[in-house]
Structure formats: C-alpha cells, structure tokens
Amino acid sequence: MSDRTAPPSRDAARPTAGKEPARRSLTERLQDTMSNAAQEHRANADTGNARGRRASRASGRQPRRARLRLTRIDPWSVMKTSFLLSVAFGVVTFVAIFMVWSVLGAAGVWDSINSAVASIVEGDSGNSTFDVTDYVGMSRVLGFTLLVSVLDVVLLTAIATLTAFLYNLAAALLGGIEVTLAEDEK
C-alpha cells in the first residue's frame, strides 16, 4: 500500500523520538490550506496599492502557463455523461413536438387543412370523410417522437462511448491533444 492509501496507525498520532514526525490531522491540514488560500486571495485582491495593473505589467511578470496533454478519456464517464445528455435531448424533443402539435391544433390548422382537402377533392358537396388527424394526429406523432427519442438515446450513448475508445487508441499512438492553460493577467 502507498502512503496515501495506508490506514493511519495508532503510532502515527504520537510523536516519537528518532522516528518521522507524526502526521498532522485532517483538520489541521484543512485549516492550513484555507489560511494559505485566504492569504493568497488577499494578496491578489489588493489592487488599491502599488501592485495594481500597471505595476504588475511594469514588473514584467508574465502570466503562468502550463502545457498539458489530454492522453486518455475515461469511456465509462463519457458513457454516463452522454446518456444523461441524450435523455435530456429526448425529453426536450418530446416536449417541443407536443407543444407544436398543441399550438397547431388550438390554432385550427387541422380543421382548415380538412376543409381545404374536402373542397379540392369533393367540391361543394361537403360530405368528405378525409381527416388529416388520422395521419398526423397527436397520438401518432408523439408515439413516433418517443420511438425516435429512445433510439437517439441508445445511438448517441453508443457513439460517444465508441468515440472515447477510438480517441484513447489514437492518443496512445500520437500522444493526444496538447492544451496550453494560462492564468489571467491582473
């Protein structure tokens, strides 16, 4: 086991002569980290003094940069994320189709299409049996939308996971994508 994963022993809490000093408790380490972060924040926020924007540029200090390389993407996390995003996309699609078809029905579009088709096909007799909602009714359209949404969830999740595997193979051969990160100038 490494030092990070080894469980703390009872002897580690007691300082002993000749052995390495006892480890600090988690509370002490957190307090030190928080106080260091607070001091750094105060130093960075102190722009009213001589260390303003012009003073930092005059000193010639460049922002820190880090060149990192993305060499592996975890396929499991890609699969979970793409699944959730594709489910959200499916729900949005279903709700949007429902809203559009509800608005079209409330606006009387289906009745006007029925009357236009009846006047074209039957003339002025008015005894047409054609109804457009038999073909593009709310239940048929929503059923088809639900089917397409489920297929999209499966396909998008599979494609994203396969893409993560393919990226890992390509990154093993070519080294991955190199990214340069830089902090903002103050």
C-alpha atoms as a PDB file:
ATOM      1  CA  MET A   1       0.000   0.000   0.000  1.00  0.00           C
ATOM      2  CA  SER A   2       1.164   3.517  -0.665  1.00  0.00           C
ATOM      3  CA  ASP A   3       1.365   6.218   1.982  1.00  0.00           C
ATOM      4  CA  ARG A   4      -1.832   7.801   0.695  1.00  0.00           C
ATOM      5  CA  THR A   5      -3.947   4.683   0.892  1.00  0.00           C
ATOM      6  CA  ALA A   6      -2.465   3.123   4.031  1.00  0.00           C
ATOM      7  CA  PRO A   7      -4.734   3.439   7.036  1.00  0.00           C
ATOM      8  CA  PRO A   8      -3.292   5.623   9.775  1.00  0.00           C
ATOM      9  CA  SER A   9      -1.828   3.621  12.623  1.00  0.00           C
ATOM     10  CA  ARG A  10      -2.175   4.466  16.270  1.00  0.00           C
ATOM     11  CA  ASP A  11       1.541   5.178  16.487  1.00  0.00           C
ATOM     12  CA  ALA A  12       1.284   7.840  13.786  1.00  0.00           C
ATOM     13  CA  ALA A  13      -0.669  10.124  16.102  1.00  0.00           C
ATOM     14  CA  ARG A  14       2.056  10.088  18.766  1.00  0.00           C
ATOM     15  CA  PRO A  15       5.394  11.789  18.118  1.00  0.00           C
ATOM     16  CA  THR A  16       8.291   9.544  18.966  1.00  0.00           C
ATOM     17  CA  ALA A  17      11.972  10.273  19.150  1.00  0.00           C
ATOM     18  CA  GLY A  18      14.023   9.056  16.217  1.00  0.00           C
ATOM     19  CA  LYS A  19      11.006   8.360  14.002  1.00  0.00           C
ATOM     20  CA  GLU A  20       9.499  10.713  11.454  1.00  0.00           C
ATOM     21  CA  PRO A  21       7.231  13.373  12.941  1.00  0.00           C
ATOM     22  CA  ALA A  22       3.587  12.488  13.417  1.00  0.00           C
ATOM     23  CA  ARG A  23       1.194  13.249  10.624  1.00  0.00           C
ATOM     24  CA  ARG A  24      -0.998  16.249  11.027  1.00  0.00           C
ATOM     25  CA  SER A  25      -4.693  15.651  11.350  1.00  0.00           C
ATOM     26  CA  LEU A  26      -7.063  16.368   8.517  1.00  0.00           C
ATOM     27  CA  THR A  27      -8.470  19.358  10.378  1.00  0.00           C
ATOM     28  CA  GLU A  28      -5.031  20.921  10.763  1.00  0.00           C
ATOM     29  CA  ARG A  29      -4.196  20.378   7.097  1.00  0.00           C
ATOM     30  CA  LEU A  30      -7.524  21.886   6.031  1.00  0.00           C
ATOM     31  CA  GLN A  31      -7.008  24.896   8.282  1.00  0.00           C
ATOM     32  CA  ASP A  32      -3.505  25.454   6.882  1.00  0.00           C
ATOM     33  CA  THR A  33      -4.759  25.140   3.315  1.00  0.00           C
ATOM     34  CA  MET A  34      -7.645  27.512   3.953  1.00  0.00           C
ATOM     35  CA  SER A  35      -5.424  30.100   5.646  1.00  0.00           C
ATOM     36  CA  ASN A  36      -2.904  29.915   2.777  1.00  0.00           C
ATOM     37  CA  ALA A  37      -5.721  30.321   0.271  1.00  0.00           C
ATOM     38  CA  ALA A  38      -7.111  33.279   2.212  1.00  0.00           C
ATOM     39  CA  GLN A  39      -3.683  34.962   2.309  1.00  0.00           C
ATOM     40  CA  GLU A  40      -3.223  34.408  -1.418  1.00  0.00           C
ATOM     41  CA  HIS A  41      -6.703  35.779  -2.097  1.00  0.00           C
ATOM     42  CA  ARG A  42      -5.992  38.890  -0.031  1.00  0.00           C
ATOM     43  CA  ALA A  43      -2.712  39.417  -1.880  1.00  0.00           C
ATOM     44  CA  ASN A  44      -4.416  39.035  -5.267  1.00  0.00           C
ATOM     45  CA  ALA A  45      -7.339  41.265  -4.324  1.00  0.00           C
ATOM     46  CA  ASP A  46      -5.086  44.068  -3.101  1.00  0.00           C
ATOM     47  CA  THR A  47      -5.258  46.187  -6.273  1.00  0.00           C
ATOM     48  CA  GLY A  48      -5.532  49.540  -4.494  1.00  0.00           C
ATOM     49  CA  ASN A  49      -1.869  49.577  -3.553  1.00  0.00           C
ATOM     50  CA  ALA A  50       1.136  49.955  -5.812  1.00  0.00           C
ATOM     51  CA  ARG A  51       0.605  46.424  -7.088  1.00  0.00           C
ATOM     52  CA  GLY A  52      -2.209  47.405  -9.456  1.00  0.00           C
ATOM     53  CA  ARG A  53      -2.489  46.545 -13.132  1.00  0.00           C
ATOM     54  CA  ARG A  54       0.206  48.926 -14.243  1.00  0.00           C
ATOM     55  CA  ALA A  55       2.625  47.877 -11.535  1.00  0.00           C
ATOM     56  CA  SER A  56       2.312  44.185 -12.436  1.00  0.00           C
ATOM     57  CA  ARG A  57       2.861  44.926 -16.120  1.00  0.00           C
ATOM     58  CA  ALA A  58       5.776  47.186 -15.326  1.00  0.00           C
ATOM     59  CA  SER A  59       7.472  44.466 -13.344  1.00  0.00           C
ATOM     60  CA  GLY A  60       7.430  42.312 -16.490  1.00  0.00           C
ATOM     61  CA  ARG A  61       5.858  39.325 -14.802  1.00  0.00           C
ATOM     62  CA  GLN A  62       4.153  37.167 -17.386  1.00  0.00           C
ATOM     63  CA  PRO A  63       1.131  35.037 -16.531  1.00  0.00           C
ATOM     64  CA  ARG A  64       1.942  31.449 -15.659  1.00  0.00           C
ATOM     65  CA  ARG A  65       1.352  28.901 -18.395  1.00  0.00           C
ATOM     66  CA  ALA A  66       1.012  25.161 -18.290  1.00  0.00           C
ATOM     67  CA  ARG A  67       1.185  22.883 -21.304  1.00  0.00           C
ATOM     68  CA  LEU A  68      -0.918  19.812 -20.720  1.00  0.00           C
ATOM     69  CA  ARG A  69      -1.675  16.830 -22.892  1.00  0.00           C
ATOM     70  CA  LEU A  70      -5.007  15.017 -22.914  1.00  0.00           C
ATOM     71  CA  THR A  71      -3.905  11.415 -23.334  1.00  0.00           C
ATOM     72  CA  ARG A  72      -6.906   9.448 -22.075  1.00  0.00           C
ATOM     73  CA  ILE A  73     -10.647   9.898 -21.762  1.00  0.00           C
ATOM     74  CA  ASP A  74     -12.483   7.542 -19.438  1.00  0.00           C
ATOM     75  CA  PRO A  75     -15.112   5.710 -21.547  1.00  0.00           C
ATOM     76  CA  TRP A  76     -17.284   4.998 -18.511  1.00  0.00           C
ATOM     77  CA  SER A  77     -17.651   8.698 -17.640  1.00  0.00           C
ATOM     78  CA  VAL A  78     -18.250   9.519 -21.307  1.00  0.00           C
ATOM     79  CA  MET A  79     -20.987   6.889 -21.427  1.00  0.00           C
ATOM     80  CA  LYS A  80     -22.707   8.223 -18.298  1.00  0.00           C
ATOM     81  CA  THR A  81     -22.500  11.821 -19.448  1.00  0.00           C
ATOM     82  CA  SER A  82     -23.658  11.124 -22.996  1.00  0.00           C
ATOM     83  CA  PHE A  83     -26.523   9.006 -21.675  1.00  0.00           C
ATOM     84  CA  LEU A  84     -27.769  11.816 -19.440  1.00  0.00           C
ATOM     85  CA  LEU A  85     -27.378  14.435 -22.159  1.00  0.00           C
ATOM     86  CA  SER A  86     -29.151  12.295 -24.758  1.00  0.00           C
ATOM     87  CA  VAL A  87     -32.012  11.587 -22.327  1.00  0.00           C
ATOM     88  CA  ALA A  88     -32.322  15.341 -21.759  1.00  0.00           C
ATOM     89  CA  PHE A  89     -32.282  15.882 -25.531  1.00  0.00           C
ATOM     90  CA  GLY A  90     -35.027  13.253 -25.943  1.00  0.00           C
ATOM     91  CA  VAL A  91     -37.213  14.876 -23.286  1.00  0.00           C
ATOM     92  CA  VAL A  92     -36.741  18.305 -24.872  1.00  0.00           C
ATOM     93  CA  THR A  93     -37.640  16.896 -28.291  1.00  0.00           C
ATOM     94  CA  PHE A  94     -40.773  15.203 -26.948  1.00  0.00           C
ATOM     95  CA  VAL A  95     -41.952  18.336 -25.135  1.00  0.00           C
ATOM     96  CA  ALA A  96     -41.230  20.541 -28.169  1.00  0.00           C
ATOM     97  CA  ILE A  97     -43.225  18.288 -30.515  1.00  0.00           C
ATOM     98  CA  PHE A  98     -46.082  18.172 -28.015  1.00  0.00           C
ATOM     99  CA  MET A  99     -46.112  21.979 -27.779  1.00  0.00           C
ATOM    100  CA  VAL A 100     -46.007  22.468 -31.568  1.00  0.00           C
ATOM    101  CA  TRP A 101     -48.822  19.989 -32.185  1.00  0.00           C
ATOM    102  CA  SER A 102     -50.920  21.528 -29.379  1.00  0.00           C
ATOM    103  CA  VAL A 103     -50.472  25.017 -30.811  1.00  0.00           C
ATOM    104  CA  LEU A 104     -51.330  23.816 -34.327  1.00  0.00           C
ATOM    105  CA  GLY A 105     -54.478  22.123 -33.006  1.00  0.00           C
ATOM    106  CA  ALA A 106     -55.517  25.164 -30.979  1.00  0.00           C
ATOM    107  CA  ALA A 107     -54.939  27.445 -33.974  1.00  0.00           C
ATOM    108  CA  GLY A 108     -57.312  25.356 -36.078  1.00  0.00           C
ATOM    109  CA  VAL A 109     -54.723  24.302 -38.638  1.00  0.00           C
ATOM    110  CA  TRP A 110     -56.048  20.727 -38.818  1.00  0.00           C
ATOM    111  CA  ASP A 111     -59.627  21.906 -39.411  1.00  0.00           C
ATOM    112  CA  SER A 112     -58.540  24.271 -42.171  1.00  0.00           C
ATOM    113  CA  ILE A 113     -56.498  21.503 -43.828  1.00  0.00           C
ATOM    114  CA  ASN A 114     -59.518  19.176 -43.640  1.00  0.00           C
ATOM    115  CA  SER A 115     -61.793  21.775 -45.221  1.00  0.00           C
ATOM    116  CA  ALA A 116     -59.244  22.617 -47.938  1.00  0.00           C
ATOM    117  CA  VAL A 117     -58.783  18.951 -48.880  1.00  0.00           C
ATOM    118  CA  ALA A 118     -62.558  18.401 -48.832  1.00  0.00           C
ATOM    119  CA  SER A 119     -63.173  21.362 -51.140  1.00  0.00           C
ATOM    120  CA  ILE A 120     -60.462  20.196 -53.558  1.00  0.00           C
ATOM    121  CA  VAL A 121     -61.449  16.513 -53.649  1.00  0.00           C
ATOM    122  CA  GLU A 122     -65.226  16.594 -53.244  1.00  0.00           C
ATOM    123  CA  GLY A 123     -66.088  20.055 -54.476  1.00  0.00           C
ATOM    124  CA  ASP A 124     -69.067  21.732 -52.822  1.00  0.00           C
ATOM    125  CA  SER A 125     -70.858  18.540 -51.749  1.00  0.00           C
ATOM    126  CA  GLY A 126     -69.305  18.767 -48.268  1.00  0.00           C
ATOM    127  CA  ASN A 127     -69.580  15.098 -47.362  1.00  0.00           C
ATOM    128  CA  SER A 128     -65.844  14.313 -47.230  1.00  0.00           C
ATOM    129  CA  THR A 129     -64.554  11.606 -44.930  1.00  0.00           C
ATOM    130  CA  PHE A 130     -60.945  12.835 -45.050  1.00  0.00           C
ATOM    131  CA  ASP A 131     -59.418  13.763 -41.695  1.00  0.00           C
ATOM    132  CA  VAL A 132     -55.750  14.819 -41.542  1.00  0.00           C
ATOM    133  CA  THR A 133     -55.514  13.883 -37.865  1.00  0.00           C
ATOM    134  CA  ASP A 134     -55.915  10.226 -38.879  1.00  0.00           C
ATOM    135  CA  TYR A 135     -52.443  10.516 -40.432  1.00  0.00           C
ATOM    136  CA  VAL A 136     -50.663  13.135 -38.338  1.00  0.00           C
ATOM    137  CA  GLY A 137     -52.673  13.109 -35.123  1.00  0.00           C
ATOM    138  CA  MET A 138     -51.217  13.898 -31.722  1.00  0.00           C
ATOM    139  CA  SER A 139     -51.001  10.273 -30.565  1.00  0.00           C
ATOM    140  CA  ARG A 140     -49.260   9.059 -33.736  1.00  0.00           C
ATOM    141  CA  VAL A 141     -46.768  11.899 -33.797  1.00  0.00           C
ATOM    142  CA  LEU A 142     -45.943  11.616 -30.093  1.00  0.00           C
ATOM    143  CA  GLY A 143     -45.550   7.853 -30.387  1.00  0.00           C
ATOM    144  CA  PHE A 144     -43.170   8.274 -33.308  1.00  0.00           C
ATOM    145  CA  THR A 145     -41.288  11.003 -31.409  1.00  0.00           C
ATOM    146  CA  LEU A 146     -40.939   8.731 -28.379  1.00  0.00           C
ATOM    147  CA  LEU A 147     -39.588   5.926 -30.562  1.00  0.00           C
ATOM    148  CA  VAL A 148     -37.073   8.234 -32.231  1.00  0.00           C
ATOM    149  CA  SER A 149     -36.017   9.674 -28.841  1.00  0.00           C
ATOM    150  CA  VAL A 150     -35.347   6.207 -27.408  1.00  0.00           C
ATOM    151  CA  LEU A 151     -33.322   5.245 -30.485  1.00  0.00           C
ATOM    152  CA  ASP A 152     -31.372   8.523 -30.204  1.00  0.00           C
ATOM    153  CA  VAL A 153     -30.542   7.809 -26.554  1.00  0.00           C
ATOM    154  CA  VAL A 154     -29.165   4.384 -27.429  1.00  0.00           C
ATOM    155  CA  LEU A 155     -27.290   5.526 -30.544  1.00  0.00           C
ATOM    156  CA  LEU A 156     -25.811   8.719 -29.095  1.00  0.00           C
ATOM    157  CA  THR A 157     -24.620   6.898 -25.978  1.00  0.00           C
ATOM    158  CA  ALA A 158     -23.025   4.133 -28.048  1.00  0.00           C
ATOM    159  CA  ILE A 159     -21.407   6.555 -30.498  1.00  0.00           C
ATOM    160  CA  ALA A 160     -19.971   8.754 -27.734  1.00  0.00           C
ATOM    161  CA  THR A 161     -18.547   5.740 -25.897  1.00  0.00           C
ATOM    162  CA  LEU A 162     -17.054   4.345 -29.085  1.00  0.00           C
ATOM    163  CA  THR A 163     -15.554   7.760 -29.819  1.00  0.00           C
ATOM    164  CA  ALA A 164     -13.875   7.763 -26.385  1.00  0.00           C
ATOM    165  CA  PHE A 165     -12.352   4.347 -27.099  1.00  0.00           C
ATOM    166  CA  LEU A 166     -11.156   5.495 -30.520  1.00  0.00           C
ATOM    167  CA  TYR A 167      -9.659   8.666 -29.055  1.00  0.00           C
ATOM    168  CA  ASN A 168      -7.768   6.606 -26.478  1.00  0.00           C
ATOM    169  CA  LEU A 169      -6.340   4.422 -29.250  1.00  0.00           C
ATOM    170  CA  ALA A 170      -5.316   7.439 -31.314  1.00  0.00           C
ATOM    171  CA  ALA A 171      -3.843   9.198 -28.277  1.00  0.00           C
ATOM    172  CA  ALA A 172      -1.775   6.113 -27.473  1.00  0.00           C
ATOM    173  CA  LEU A 173      -0.286   6.283 -30.960  1.00  0.00           C
ATOM    174  CA  LEU A 174       0.012  10.036 -31.443  1.00  0.00           C
ATOM    175  CA  GLY A 175       0.257  11.416 -27.917  1.00  0.00           C
ATOM    176  CA  GLY A 176      -3.128  13.088 -27.534  1.00  0.00           C
ATOM    177  CA  ILE A 177      -4.263  16.697 -27.747  1.00  0.00           C
ATOM    178  CA  GLU A 178      -1.940  19.315 -26.299  1.00  0.00           C
ATOM    179  CA  VAL A 179      -3.555  22.203 -24.430  1.00  0.00           C
ATOM    180  CA  THR A 180      -1.880  25.329 -23.058  1.00  0.00           C
ATOM    181  CA  LEU A 181      -3.510  26.834 -19.987  1.00  0.00           C
ATOM    182  CA  ALA A 182      -2.670  30.338 -18.773  1.00  0.00           C
ATOM    183  CA  GLU A 183      -3.833  32.405 -15.842  1.00  0.00           C
ATOM    184  CA  ASP A 184      -5.474  35.780 -16.436  1.00  0.00           C
ATOM    185  CA  GLU A 185      -3.468  38.959 -16.250  1.00  0.00           C
ATOM    186  CA  LYS A 186      -4.424  41.141 -13.333  1.00  0.00           C
END
